[in-house]
C-alpha atoms as a PDB file:
ATOM      1  CA  MET A   1     -13.071 -50.070  30.019  1.00  0.00           C
ATOM      2  CA  GLU A   2     -15.328 -47.067  29.468  1.00  0.00           C
ATOM      3  CA  PRO A   3     -18.860 -47.866  28.259  1.00  0.00           C
ATOM      4  CA  ASP A   4     -18.427 -46.008  24.971  1.00  0.00           C
ATOM      5  CA  SER A   5     -14.769 -46.892  24.311  1.00  0.00           C
ATOM      6  CA  GLY A   6     -15.682 -49.020  21.324  1.00  0.00           C
ATOM      7  CA  ARG A   7     -18.015 -46.401  19.850  1.00  0.00           C
ATOM      8  CA  LYS A   8     -16.941 -44.622  16.704  1.00  0.00           C
ATOM      9  CA  LYS A   9     -16.072 -41.008  17.512  1.00  0.00           C
ATOM     10  CA  SER A  10     -17.852 -38.178  15.739  1.00  0.00           C
ATOM     11  CA  LEU A  11     -16.093 -35.527  13.667  1.00  0.00           C
ATOM     12  CA  PHE A  12     -16.327 -32.966  16.476  1.00  0.00           C
ATOM     13  CA  GLU A  13     -14.837 -35.400  18.972  1.00  0.00           C
ATOM     14  CA  ARG A  14     -11.913 -36.144  16.662  1.00  0.00           C
ATOM     15  CA  LEU A  15     -11.333 -32.420  16.142  1.00  0.00           C
ATOM     16  CA  GLN A  16     -10.938 -31.969  19.911  1.00  0.00           C
ATOM     17  CA  HIS A  17      -7.858 -34.188  19.820  1.00  0.00           C
ATOM     18  CA  CYS A  18      -6.537 -33.244  16.376  1.00  0.00           C
ATOM     19  CA  ASP A  19      -2.752 -33.093  16.056  1.00  0.00           C
ATOM     20  CA  PRO A  20      -1.899 -29.373  15.435  1.00  0.00           C
ATOM     21  CA  ARG A  21       0.639 -30.426  12.822  1.00  0.00           C
ATOM     22  CA  TYR A  22      -2.199 -31.458  10.526  1.00  0.00           C
ATOM     23  CA  LEU A  23      -3.624 -27.938  10.722  1.00  0.00           C
ATOM     24  CA  TYR A  24      -0.336 -26.486   9.445  1.00  0.00           C
ATOM     25  CA  ILE A  25      -0.080 -29.119   6.712  1.00  0.00           C
ATOM     26  CA  PHE A  26      -3.595 -28.330   5.477  1.00  0.00           C
ATOM     27  CA  PHE A  27      -2.824 -24.618   5.691  1.00  0.00           C
ATOM     28  CA  PHE A  28       0.226 -25.047   3.462  1.00  0.00           C
ATOM     29  CA  ILE A  29      -1.687 -27.203   0.943  1.00  0.00           C
ATOM     30  CA  ILE A  30      -4.618 -24.785   0.694  1.00  0.00           C
ATOM     31  CA  VAL A  31      -2.494 -21.644   0.354  1.00  0.00           C
ATOM     32  CA  PHE A  32      -0.102 -23.234  -2.154  1.00  0.00           C
ATOM     33  CA  SER A  33      -3.027 -24.558  -4.209  1.00  0.00           C
ATOM     34  CA  PHE A  34      -4.615 -21.124  -4.254  1.00  0.00           C
ATOM     35  CA  ILE A  35      -1.345 -19.556  -5.431  1.00  0.00           C
ATOM     36  CA  LEU A  36      -1.321 -21.991  -8.360  1.00  0.00           C
ATOM     37  CA  LEU A  37      -4.967 -21.276  -9.157  1.00  0.00           C
ATOM     38  CA  ILE A  38      -4.342 -17.527  -9.254  1.00  0.00           C
ATOM     39  CA  GLU A  39      -1.091 -17.776 -11.202  1.00  0.00           C
ATOM     40  CA  TYR A  40      -2.033 -20.352 -13.833  1.00  0.00           C
ATOM     41  CA  VAL A  41      -5.829 -20.650 -13.905  1.00  0.00           C
ATOM     42  CA  LYS A  42      -6.327 -16.883 -13.456  1.00  0.00           C
ATOM     43  CA  LEU A  43      -8.993 -17.433 -10.831  1.00  0.00           C
ATOM     44  CA  PRO A  44     -11.162 -14.292 -10.680  1.00  0.00           C
ATOM     45  CA  ILE A  45     -11.054 -12.514  -7.320  1.00  0.00           C
ATOM     46  CA  PRO A  46     -13.741  -9.909  -6.577  1.00  0.00           C
ATOM     47  CA  ILE A  47     -12.240  -6.681  -5.239  1.00  0.00           C
ATOM     48  CA  LEU A  48     -14.412  -3.820  -3.992  1.00  0.00           C
ATOM     49  CA  PRO A  49     -12.460  -0.543  -3.641  1.00  0.00           C
ATOM     50  CA  SER A  50     -12.914   1.319  -0.370  1.00  0.00           C
ATOM     51  CA  LYS A  51     -14.055   4.914  -0.034  1.00  0.00           C
ATOM     52  CA  HIS A  52     -10.560   6.183   0.746  1.00  0.00           C
ATOM     53  CA  THR A  53      -9.046   4.391  -2.253  1.00  0.00           C
ATOM     54  CA  LYS A  54     -11.711   5.864  -4.525  1.00  0.00           C
ATOM     55  CA  ASN A  55     -11.054   9.334  -3.115  1.00  0.00           C
ATOM     56  CA  LEU A  56      -7.366   9.129  -4.039  1.00  0.00           C
ATOM     57  CA  TYR A  57      -8.234   7.875  -7.516  1.00  0.00           C
ATOM     58  CA  ASN A  58     -10.741  10.675  -8.070  1.00  0.00           C
ATOM     59  CA  THR A  59      -8.251  13.260  -6.775  1.00  0.00           C
ATOM     60  CA  ILE A  60      -5.582  12.212  -9.287  1.00  0.00           C
ATOM     61  CA  GLU A  61      -8.198  12.105 -12.044  1.00  0.00           C
ATOM     62  CA  SER A  62      -9.029  15.749 -11.352  1.00  0.00           C
ATOM     63  CA  LEU A  63      -5.461  17.117 -11.059  1.00  0.00           C
ATOM     64  CA  PRO A  64      -4.451  19.888 -13.502  1.00  0.00           C
ATOM     65  CA  ASN A  65      -1.722  19.125 -16.041  1.00  0.00           C
ATOM     66  CA  ASP A  66       0.173  22.370 -15.436  1.00  0.00           C
ATOM     67  CA  LYS A  67       1.248  21.476 -11.886  1.00  0.00           C
ATOM     68  CA  ILE A  68       3.601  18.956 -10.262  1.00  0.00           C
ATOM     69  CA  VAL A  69       2.779  15.881  -8.180  1.00  0.00           C
ATOM     70  CA  PHE A  70       5.214  15.619  -5.269  1.00  0.00           C
ATOM     71  CA  VAL A  71       5.910  11.916  -4.612  1.00  0.00           C
ATOM     72  CA  ASP A  72       7.495  10.870  -1.315  1.00  0.00           C
ATOM     73  CA  SER A  73       9.067   7.388  -1.641  1.00  0.00           C
ATOM     74  CA  ASP A  74       9.793   6.349   1.937  1.00  0.00           C
ATOM     75  CA  TRP A  75       9.282   2.562   1.859  1.00  0.00           C
ATOM     76  CA  SER A  76      11.865  -0.113   2.561  1.00  0.00           C
ATOM     77  CA  ILE A  77      12.384  -3.478   0.878  1.00  0.00           C
ATOM     78  CA  ASP A  78      11.060  -5.416   3.880  1.00  0.00           C
ATOM     79  CA  MET A  79       7.668  -3.730   3.285  1.00  0.00           C
ATOM     80  CA  ARG A  80       7.676  -4.523  -0.439  1.00  0.00           C
ATOM     81  CA  ALA A  81       4.684  -6.835  -0.104  1.00  0.00           C
ATOM     82  CA  GLU A  82       2.467  -3.958   0.967  1.00  0.00           C
ATOM     83  CA  HIS A  83       4.040  -0.894  -0.636  1.00  0.00           C
ATOM     84  CA  ARG A  84       5.211  -1.937  -4.092  1.00  0.00           C
ATOM     85  CA  GLY A  85       1.685  -2.459  -5.431  1.00  0.00           C
ATOM     86  CA  GLN A  86       0.556   0.829  -3.897  1.00  0.00           C
ATOM     87  CA  PHE A  87       3.440   2.858  -5.293  1.00  0.00           C
ATOM     88  CA  LYS A  88       3.376   1.230  -8.719  1.00  0.00           C
ATOM     89  CA  SER A  89      -0.373   1.626  -9.261  1.00  0.00           C
ATOM     90  CA  VAL A  90      -0.416   5.305  -8.233  1.00  0.00           C
ATOM     91  CA  LEU A  91       2.637   6.004 -10.374  1.00  0.00           C
ATOM     92  CA  GLU A  92       0.929   4.294 -13.293  1.00  0.00           C
ATOM     93  CA  HIS A  93      -2.124   6.519 -12.823  1.00  0.00           C
ATOM     94  CA  ILE A  94       0.065   9.647 -12.721  1.00  0.00           C
ATOM     95  CA  MET A  95       1.810   8.649 -15.937  1.00  0.00           C
ATOM     96  CA  LYS A  96      -1.410   7.563 -17.588  1.00  0.00           C
ATOM     97  CA  ARG A  97      -2.681  11.091 -17.053  1.00  0.00           C
ATOM     98  CA  LYS A  98       0.602  12.551 -18.363  1.00  0.00           C
ATOM     99  CA  LEU A  99       1.191  14.435 -15.113  1.00  0.00           C
ATOM    100  CA  LYS A 100       4.678  15.652 -14.237  1.00  0.00           C
ATOM    101  CA  PHE A 101       6.091  14.591 -10.883  1.00  0.00           C
ATOM    102  CA  ALA A 102       9.076  14.988  -8.570  1.00  0.00           C
ATOM    103  CA  MET A 103      10.270  12.264  -6.205  1.00  0.00           C
ATOM    104  CA  ILE A 104      11.903  12.839  -2.832  1.00  0.00           C
ATOM    105  CA  SER A 105      13.273  10.395  -0.227  1.00  0.00           C
ATOM    106  CA  TRP A 106      14.855  10.689   3.218  1.00  0.00           C
ATOM    107  CA  VAL A 107      18.045   9.668   5.008  1.00  0.00           C
ATOM    108  CA  GLY A 108      16.033   7.780   7.619  1.00  0.00           C
ATOM    109  CA  ASN A 109      15.044   5.235   4.978  1.00  0.00           C
ATOM    110  CA  ILE A 110      17.716   5.194   2.291  1.00  0.00           C
ATOM    111  CA  GLN A 111      16.048   2.261   0.493  1.00  0.00           C
ATOM    112  CA  GLY A 112      13.092   4.463  -0.349  1.00  0.00           C
ATOM    113  CA  GLN A 113      14.931   6.171  -3.205  1.00  0.00           C
ATOM    114  CA  LYS A 114      16.136   2.942  -4.847  1.00  0.00           C
ATOM    115  CA  ASN A 115      12.701   1.351  -4.580  1.00  0.00           C
ATOM    116  CA  GLY A 116      11.137   4.436  -6.106  1.00  0.00           C
ATOM    117  CA  LEU A 117      13.697   4.609  -8.936  1.00  0.00           C
ATOM    118  CA  ASP A 118      13.209   0.929  -9.783  1.00  0.00           C
ATOM    119  CA  THR A 119       9.446   1.420 -10.002  1.00  0.00           C
ATOM    120  CA  ILE A 120       9.778   4.586 -12.092  1.00  0.00           C
ATOM    121  CA  ALA A 121      12.082   2.760 -14.518  1.00  0.00           C
ATOM    122  CA  GLU A 122       9.581  -0.072 -14.859  1.00  0.00           C
ATOM    123  CA  VAL A 123       6.455   2.030 -15.368  1.00  0.00           C
ATOM    124  CA  GLY A 124       8.101   4.985 -17.116  1.00  0.00           C
ATOM    125  CA  GLN A 125       9.402   2.823 -19.944  1.00  0.00           C
ATOM    126  CA  GLU A 126       5.855   1.894 -20.897  1.00  0.00           C
ATOM    127  CA  TYR A 127       4.625   5.490 -20.907  1.00  0.00           C
ATOM    128  CA  GLY A 128       7.736   7.020 -22.461  1.00  0.00           C
ATOM    129  CA  TYR A 129       8.520   9.333 -19.533  1.00  0.00           C
ATOM    130  CA  VAL A 130      11.683  11.363 -20.049  1.00  0.00           C
ATOM    131  CA  TYR A 131      13.854  12.377 -17.105  1.00  0.00           C
ATOM    132  CA  GLY A 132      14.181  16.140 -16.724  1.00  0.00           C
ATOM    133  CA  GLU A 133      11.097  16.822 -18.826  1.00  0.00           C
ATOM    134  CA  ASP A 134       8.380  14.655 -17.280  1.00  0.00           C
ATOM    135  CA  TYR A 135       9.882  13.915 -13.883  1.00  0.00           C
ATOM    136  CA  VAL A 136      12.798  14.743 -11.630  1.00  0.00           C
ATOM    137  CA  VAL A 137      14.343  12.930  -8.660  1.00  0.00           C
ATOM    138  CA  PHE A 138      15.864  14.869  -5.775  1.00  0.00           C
ATOM    139  CA  PRO A 139      18.836  13.650  -3.689  1.00  0.00           C
ATOM    140  CA  VAL A 140      18.105  11.883  -0.426  1.00  0.00           C
ATOM    141  CA  GLN A 141      17.346  14.580   2.132  1.00  0.00           C
ATOM    142  CA  ALA A 142      18.307  15.006   5.779  1.00  0.00           C
ATOM    143  CA  PRO A 143      15.835  13.979   8.491  1.00  0.00           C
ATOM    144  CA  ALA A 144      12.480  15.488   7.592  1.00  0.00           C
ATOM    145  CA  GLY A 145      12.093  18.160  10.262  1.00  0.00           C
ATOM    146  CA  GLY A 146       9.533  20.924  10.035  1.00  0.00           C
ATOM    147  CA  ALA A 147      12.115  23.583   9.145  1.00  0.00           C
ATOM    148  CA  LEU A 148      13.329  21.662   6.080  1.00  0.00           C
ATOM    149  CA  ILE A 149       9.824  20.952   4.839  1.00  0.00           C
ATOM    150  CA  GLN A 150       8.803  24.584   5.211  1.00  0.00           C
ATOM    151  CA  ALA A 151      11.953  25.691   3.374  1.00  0.00           C
ATOM    152  CA  ILE A 152      11.173  23.319   0.499  1.00  0.00           C
ATOM    153  CA  ALA A 153       7.633  24.701   0.387  1.00  0.00           C
ATOM    154  CA  ARG A 154       8.916  28.272   0.012  1.00  0.00           C
ATOM    155  CA  ASP A 155      11.861  27.635  -2.334  1.00  0.00           C
ATOM    156  CA  VAL A 156      12.403  24.198  -3.853  1.00  0.00           C
ATOM    157  CA  ILE A 157      15.398  25.144  -5.997  1.00  0.00           C
ATOM    158  CA  GLY A 158      17.220  27.145  -3.317  1.00  0.00           C
ATOM    159  CA  THR A 159      16.652  24.540  -0.593  1.00  0.00           C
ATOM    160  CA  ILE A 160      17.417  21.300  -2.454  1.00  0.00           C
ATOM    161  CA  GLY A 161      19.952  22.722  -4.915  1.00  0.00           C
ATOM    162  CA  THR A 162      20.599  19.802  -7.279  1.00  0.00           C
ATOM    163  CA  ASP A 163      18.896  16.713  -8.625  1.00  0.00           C
ATOM    164  CA  ILE A 164      20.043  13.131  -7.987  1.00  0.00           C
ATOM    165  CA  ASN A 165      22.704  13.458 -10.707  1.00  0.00           C
ATOM    166  CA  GLY A 166      24.171  16.645  -9.267  1.00  0.00           C
ATOM    167  CA  THR A 167      22.617  18.874 -11.927  1.00  0.00           C
ATOM    168  CA  PRO A 168      21.641  22.290 -10.540  1.00  0.00           C
ATOM    169  CA  LEU A 169      17.877  22.573 -10.348  1.00  0.00           C
ATOM    170  CA  ASP A 170      18.032  25.985 -11.995  1.00  0.00           C
ATOM    171  CA  ASP A 171      19.672  24.487 -15.091  1.00  0.00           C
ATOM    172  CA  PHE A 172      16.439  24.663 -17.066  1.00  0.00           C
ATOM    173  CA  GLU A 173      18.084  23.417 -20.241  1.00  0.00           C
ATOM    174  CA  LYS A 174      18.762  20.020 -18.656  1.00  0.00           C
ATOM    175  CA  LEU A 175      15.811  20.117 -16.250  1.00  0.00           C
ATOM    176  CA  PRO A 176      12.994  21.956 -18.045  1.00  0.00           C
ATOM    177  CA  ILE A 177      10.500  20.494 -15.577  1.00  0.00           C
ATOM    178  CA  MET A 178      11.881  22.845 -12.905  1.00  0.00           C
ATOM    179  CA  LYS A 179      10.779  25.961 -14.806  1.00  0.00           C
ATOM    180  CA  ASN A 180       7.328  25.510 -13.336  1.00  0.00           C
ATOM    181  CA  PHE A 181       8.344  24.050  -9.991  1.00  0.00           C
ATOM    182  CA  ARG A 182       9.548  26.820  -7.698  1.00  0.00           C
ATOM    183  CA  ASN A 183       7.430  26.447  -4.551  1.00  0.00           C
ATOM    184  CA  ILE A 184       4.483  24.617  -2.998  1.00  0.00           C
ATOM    185  CA  TYR A 185       1.971  26.605  -5.039  1.00  0.00           C
ATOM    186  CA  ASP A 186       3.202  24.726  -8.108  1.00  0.00           C
ATOM    187  CA  VAL A 187       2.265  21.388  -6.465  1.00  0.00           C
ATOM    188  CA  SER A 188      -1.151  19.827  -7.090  1.00  0.00           C
ATOM    189  CA  LEU A 189      -0.787  16.827  -4.750  1.00  0.00           C
ATOM    190  CA  ILE A 190       1.620  15.338  -2.209  1.00  0.00           C
ATOM    191  CA  PHE A 191       1.555  11.541  -2.267  1.00  0.00           C
ATOM    192  CA  SER A 192       3.513   9.774   0.459  1.00  0.00           C
ATOM    193  CA  CYS A 193       4.224   6.037   0.386  1.00  0.00           C
ATOM    194  CA  ALA A 194       5.637   5.003   3.758  1.00  0.00           C
ATOM    195  CA  TYR A 195       5.254   2.468   6.557  1.00  0.00           C
ATOM    196  CA  ASP A 196       4.417   5.282   8.988  1.00  0.00           C
ATOM    197  CA  TRP A 197       3.066   8.480   7.440  1.00  0.00           C
ATOM    198  CA  THR A 198       3.704  10.510  10.630  1.00  0.00           C
ATOM    199  CA  ARG A 199       7.501  10.343  10.204  1.00  0.00           C
ATOM    200  CA  VAL A 200       7.427  13.160   7.630  1.00  0.00           C
ATOM    201  CA  GLN A 201       5.168  16.026   8.657  1.00  0.00           C
ATOM    202  CA  TRP A 202       3.548  16.888   5.329  1.00  0.00           C
ATOM    203  CA  LEU A 203       0.160  17.129   7.015  1.00  0.00           C
ATOM    204  CA  GLY A 204       1.010  19.754   9.608  1.00  0.00           C
ATOM    205  CA  PHE A 205       3.549  21.891   7.760  1.00  0.00           C
ATOM    206  CA  ILE A 206       2.190  21.705   4.192  1.00  0.00           C
ATOM    207  CA  ASN A 207      -1.459  20.707   4.128  1.00  0.00           C
ATOM    208  CA  GLY A 208      -2.200  22.564   7.350  1.00  0.00           C
ATOM    209  CA  VAL A 209      -0.447  25.768   6.218  1.00  0.00           C
ATOM    210  CA  TYR A 210      -0.941  25.854   2.439  1.00  0.00           C
ATOM    211  CA  GLY A 211      -3.918  23.516   1.965  1.00  0.00           C
ATOM    212  CA  THR A 212      -2.070  21.355  -0.580  1.00  0.00           C
ATOM    213  CA  PRO A 213      -3.944  18.055  -1.125  1.00  0.00           C
ATOM    214  CA  TYR A 214      -2.244  15.211   0.699  1.00  0.00           C
ATOM    215  CA  ALA A 215      -2.703  11.439   0.306  1.00  0.00           C
ATOM    216  CA  ILE A 216      -0.897   8.441   1.772  1.00  0.00           C
ATOM    217  CA  ALA A 217      -0.144   4.780   1.136  1.00  0.00           C
ATOM    218  CA  VAL A 218       0.751   3.012   4.370  1.00  0.00           C
ATOM    219  CA  ALA A 219       1.123  -0.372   6.007  1.00  0.00           C
ATOM    220  CA  THR A 220      -2.139  -1.836   7.249  1.00  0.00           C
ATOM    221  CA  ILE A 221      -0.997  -1.762  10.872  1.00  0.00           C
ATOM    222  CA  THR A 222      -0.461   2.028  10.827  1.00  0.00           C
ATOM    223  CA  THR A 223      -3.757   3.037   9.194  1.00  0.00           C
ATOM    224  CA  SER A 224      -5.614   3.646  12.460  1.00  0.00           C
ATOM    225  CA  THR A 225      -3.800   6.937  13.103  1.00  0.00           C
ATOM    226  CA  ALA A 226      -4.904   8.346   9.733  1.00  0.00           C
ATOM    227  CA  TYR A 227      -8.685   7.897   9.902  1.00  0.00           C
ATOM    228  CA  PRO A 228      -9.405  11.086  11.895  1.00  0.00           C
ATOM    229  CA  PHE A 229      -7.633  13.129   9.207  1.00  0.00           C
ATOM    230  CA  LEU A 230      -9.422  11.279   6.415  1.00  0.00           C
ATOM    231  CA  ASP A 231     -12.778  11.956   8.072  1.00  0.00           C
ATOM    232  CA  SER A 232     -11.916  15.643   8.456  1.00  0.00           C
ATOM    233  CA  LYS A 233     -10.859  15.821   4.756  1.00  0.00           C
ATOM    234  CA  GLN A 234      -7.312  16.889   5.685  1.00  0.00           C
ATOM    235  CA  MET A 235      -6.207  13.831   3.726  1.00  0.00           C
ATOM    236  CA  CYS A 236      -7.748  13.287   0.318  1.00  0.00           C
ATOM    237  CA  GLY A 237      -7.205   9.530   0.210  1.00  0.00           C
ATOM    238  CA  MET A 238      -5.379   6.508   1.572  1.00  0.00           C
ATOM    239  CA  LEU A 239      -4.232   3.108   0.355  1.00  0.00           C
ATOM    240  CA  ALA A 240      -4.219   0.649   3.252  1.00  0.00           C
ATOM    241  CA  GLY A 241      -1.673  -2.134   2.856  1.00  0.00           C
ATOM    242  CA  ALA A 242      -1.669  -4.630   0.009  1.00  0.00           C
ATOM    243  CA  THR A 243      -5.468  -4.452  -0.075  1.00  0.00           C
ATOM    244  CA  GLY A 244      -5.303  -0.752  -0.947  1.00  0.00           C
ATOM    245  CA  GLY A 245      -2.874  -1.515  -3.754  1.00  0.00           C
ATOM    246  CA  ALA A 246      -5.180  -4.208  -5.126  1.00  0.00           C
ATOM    247  CA  GLU A 247      -8.160  -1.851  -4.944  1.00  0.00           C
ATOM    248  CA  TYR A 248      -6.275   0.822  -6.885  1.00  0.00           C
ATOM    249  CA  GLU A 249      -5.244  -1.723  -9.508  1.00  0.00           C
ATOM    250  CA  GLU A 250      -8.910  -2.600  -9.853  1.00  0.00           C
ATOM    251  CA  LEU A 251      -9.911   1.030 -10.355  1.00  0.00           C
ATOM    252  CA  LEU A 252      -7.232   1.382 -13.030  1.00  0.00           C
ATOM    253  CA  LYS A 253      -8.478  -1.828 -14.689  1.00  0.00           C
ATOM    254  CA  MET A 254      -4.881  -2.982 -15.018  1.00  0.00           C
ATOM    255  CA  ASP A 255      -4.102  -6.155 -16.940  1.00  0.00           C
ATOM    256  CA  ASN A 256      -3.699  -9.170 -14.659  1.00  0.00           C
ATOM    257  CA  ASP A 257      -0.052  -9.689 -15.628  1.00  0.00           C
ATOM    258  CA  LYS A 258       0.757  -6.115 -14.539  1.00  0.00           C
ATOM    259  CA  ARG A 259      -0.907  -6.351 -11.142  1.00  0.00           C
ATOM    260  CA  PHE A 260       1.202  -6.911  -8.056  1.00  0.00           C
ATOM    261  CA  SER A 261      -1.136  -6.619  -5.066  1.00  0.00           C
ATOM    262  CA  ARG A 262      -4.189  -8.425  -6.442  1.00  0.00           C
ATOM    263  CA  ASN A 263      -2.729 -11.935  -6.393  1.00  0.00           C
ATOM    264  CA  MET A 264      -1.250 -11.368  -2.949  1.00  0.00           C
ATOM    265  CA  VAL A 265      -4.581 -10.199  -1.550  1.00  0.00           C
ATOM    266  CA  GLY A 266      -6.277 -13.288  -2.994  1.00  0.00           C
ATOM    267  CA  VAL A 267      -3.860 -15.604  -1.198  1.00  0.00           C
ATOM    268  CA  LEU A 268      -4.184 -13.625   2.049  1.00  0.00           C
ATOM    269  CA  SER A 269      -7.973 -13.824   1.790  1.00  0.00           C
ATOM    270  CA  MET A 270      -7.856 -17.602   1.426  1.00  0.00           C
ATOM    271  CA  ALA A 271      -5.458 -17.875   4.387  1.00  0.00           C
ATOM    272  CA  VAL A 272      -7.798 -15.783   6.538  1.00  0.00           C
ATOM    273  CA  CYS A 273     -10.797 -17.897   5.453  1.00  0.00           C
ATOM    274  CA  TYR A 274      -8.942 -21.071   6.460  1.00  0.00           C
ATOM    275  CA  ILE A 275      -8.019 -19.630   9.867  1.00  0.00           C
ATOM    276  CA  LEU A 276     -11.620 -18.537  10.484  1.00  0.00           C
ATOM    277  CA  LEU A 277     -12.857 -21.997   9.469  1.00  0.00           C
ATOM    278  CA  VAL A 278     -10.467 -23.683  11.913  1.00  0.00           C
ATOM    279  CA  ILE A 279     -11.587 -21.324  14.698  1.00  0.00           C
ATOM    280  CA  LEU A 280     -15.238 -22.061  13.906  1.00  0.00           C
ATOM    281  CA  LEU A 281     -14.728 -25.830  13.893  1.00  0.00           C
ATOM    282  CA  GLY A 282     -12.712 -25.636  17.102  1.00  0.00           C
ATOM    283  CA  ASN A 283     -15.492 -23.761  18.880  1.00  0.00           C
ATOM    284  CA  LEU A 284     -18.177 -26.087  17.533  1.00  0.00           C
ATOM    285  CA  SER A 285     -16.265 -29.157  18.720  1.00  0.00           C
ATOM    286  CA  TYR A 286     -15.769 -27.571  22.140  1.00  0.00           C
ATOM    287  CA  TYR A 287     -19.465 -26.743  22.593  1.00  0.00           C
ATOM    288  CA  PHE A 288     -20.402 -30.182  21.286  1.00  0.00           C
ATOM    289  CA  SER A 289     -18.241 -31.801  23.971  1.00  0.00           C
ATOM    290  CA  LEU A 290     -19.866 -29.570  26.630  1.00  0.00           C
ATOM    291  CA  TRP A 291     -23.292 -30.553  25.372  1.00  0.00           C
ATOM    292  CA  LYS A 292     -22.382 -34.250  25.602  1.00  0.00           C
ATOM    293  CA  GLN A 293     -21.048 -33.855  29.142  1.00  0.00           C
ATOM    294  CA  ARG A 294     -24.217 -32.063  30.294  1.00  0.00           C
ATOM    295  CA  ARG A 295     -26.396 -34.657  28.601  1.00  0.00           C
ATOM    296  CA  ALA A 296     -24.444 -37.475  30.257  1.00  0.00           C
ATOM    297  CA  GLY A 297     -24.843 -35.735  33.618  1.00  0.00           C
ATOM    298  CA  VAL A 298     -28.579 -35.473  33.173  1.00  0.00           C
ATOM    299  CA  GLU A 299     -28.875 -39.146  32.223  1.00  0.00           C
END
C-alpha cells in the first residue's frame, strides 16, 4: 500500500482524474441555465460595439435619402445563426432612416433570396415599406462574374431587365423606385451579407472603379481576409459573425424582444468562459501534480 493511499485527495488531484463525461454534463447545465436566464430573467449582457461596426452604422446614418442602397443577400440557412441578426439589424436601420433599397441574390446561393425576402417581410411590415416604391427585389442572377457586375453598374435596367415578379424595370408606373435607379451613380452604399465576401467582386469592380461605399456582414471565420481593406478604407464597415449583429442591435438600441444576435452572443460568451475555466483548472492541476512530484523527490 502506498504511504498516502488513505490520505484525502485535494481538488487539483481529483481534477487530474476527472471523468470527461462530467465536463460535458456541467457544460450542458451551465449553457442551458444561461439560456433560461437570458430568455426569462432578461439578464443584462454588456455589449461594446467594435470600430468596424460603428463605421457601418455611421455610414448608414449619413447616407442621402435621394439614392438607393444596394443590398446583396447571399447567405444560406445553415449560416442563419450568424447572418440573420446582421441582415435584420442593418435592414432595420435602412428602413428606420426611410432609405430606398434594392436587393439582389445569386444562383450560387439560391437560399439567399428567400432569406432576404423573409427578413424584408418581417421588418418592412413594421415600417410600412411598400414594394415598388420603397424597395425592389431583382431576380436571382447568374454567377457573379466581373462582366455582369460592371454591366449592372453601367445600366441596371438594361442588364437585369425585370424584377422578381417579371415586371419590366422600366415600367415606372408599377416600379416608381426605378426612376432614380439607372446606374451605379444612383447607389449610395453596397451592403453584402454573405459567408464569404470575396465570392462577389463588389470591391474590385465597383468600389475600386467607381468609389461606391462598400460594407460587408460575414461569418466570423472569414473576417481575416477583410481587415486589410478595412484598414485602407476601401470598406466602410464590417459586421463579424453573430457578435457583429449583436453590436449593431446595441447601436440601434433595439428592444430585447426584437433582437436576434444578442441572446446568442450571451450564450456563446458563457460557453467560452466555461471552456477557459476548464482549461485553467486543468493546467493548475497539472502544475500542482508536478510540484508535488518535485517536492517528493527532494524529500
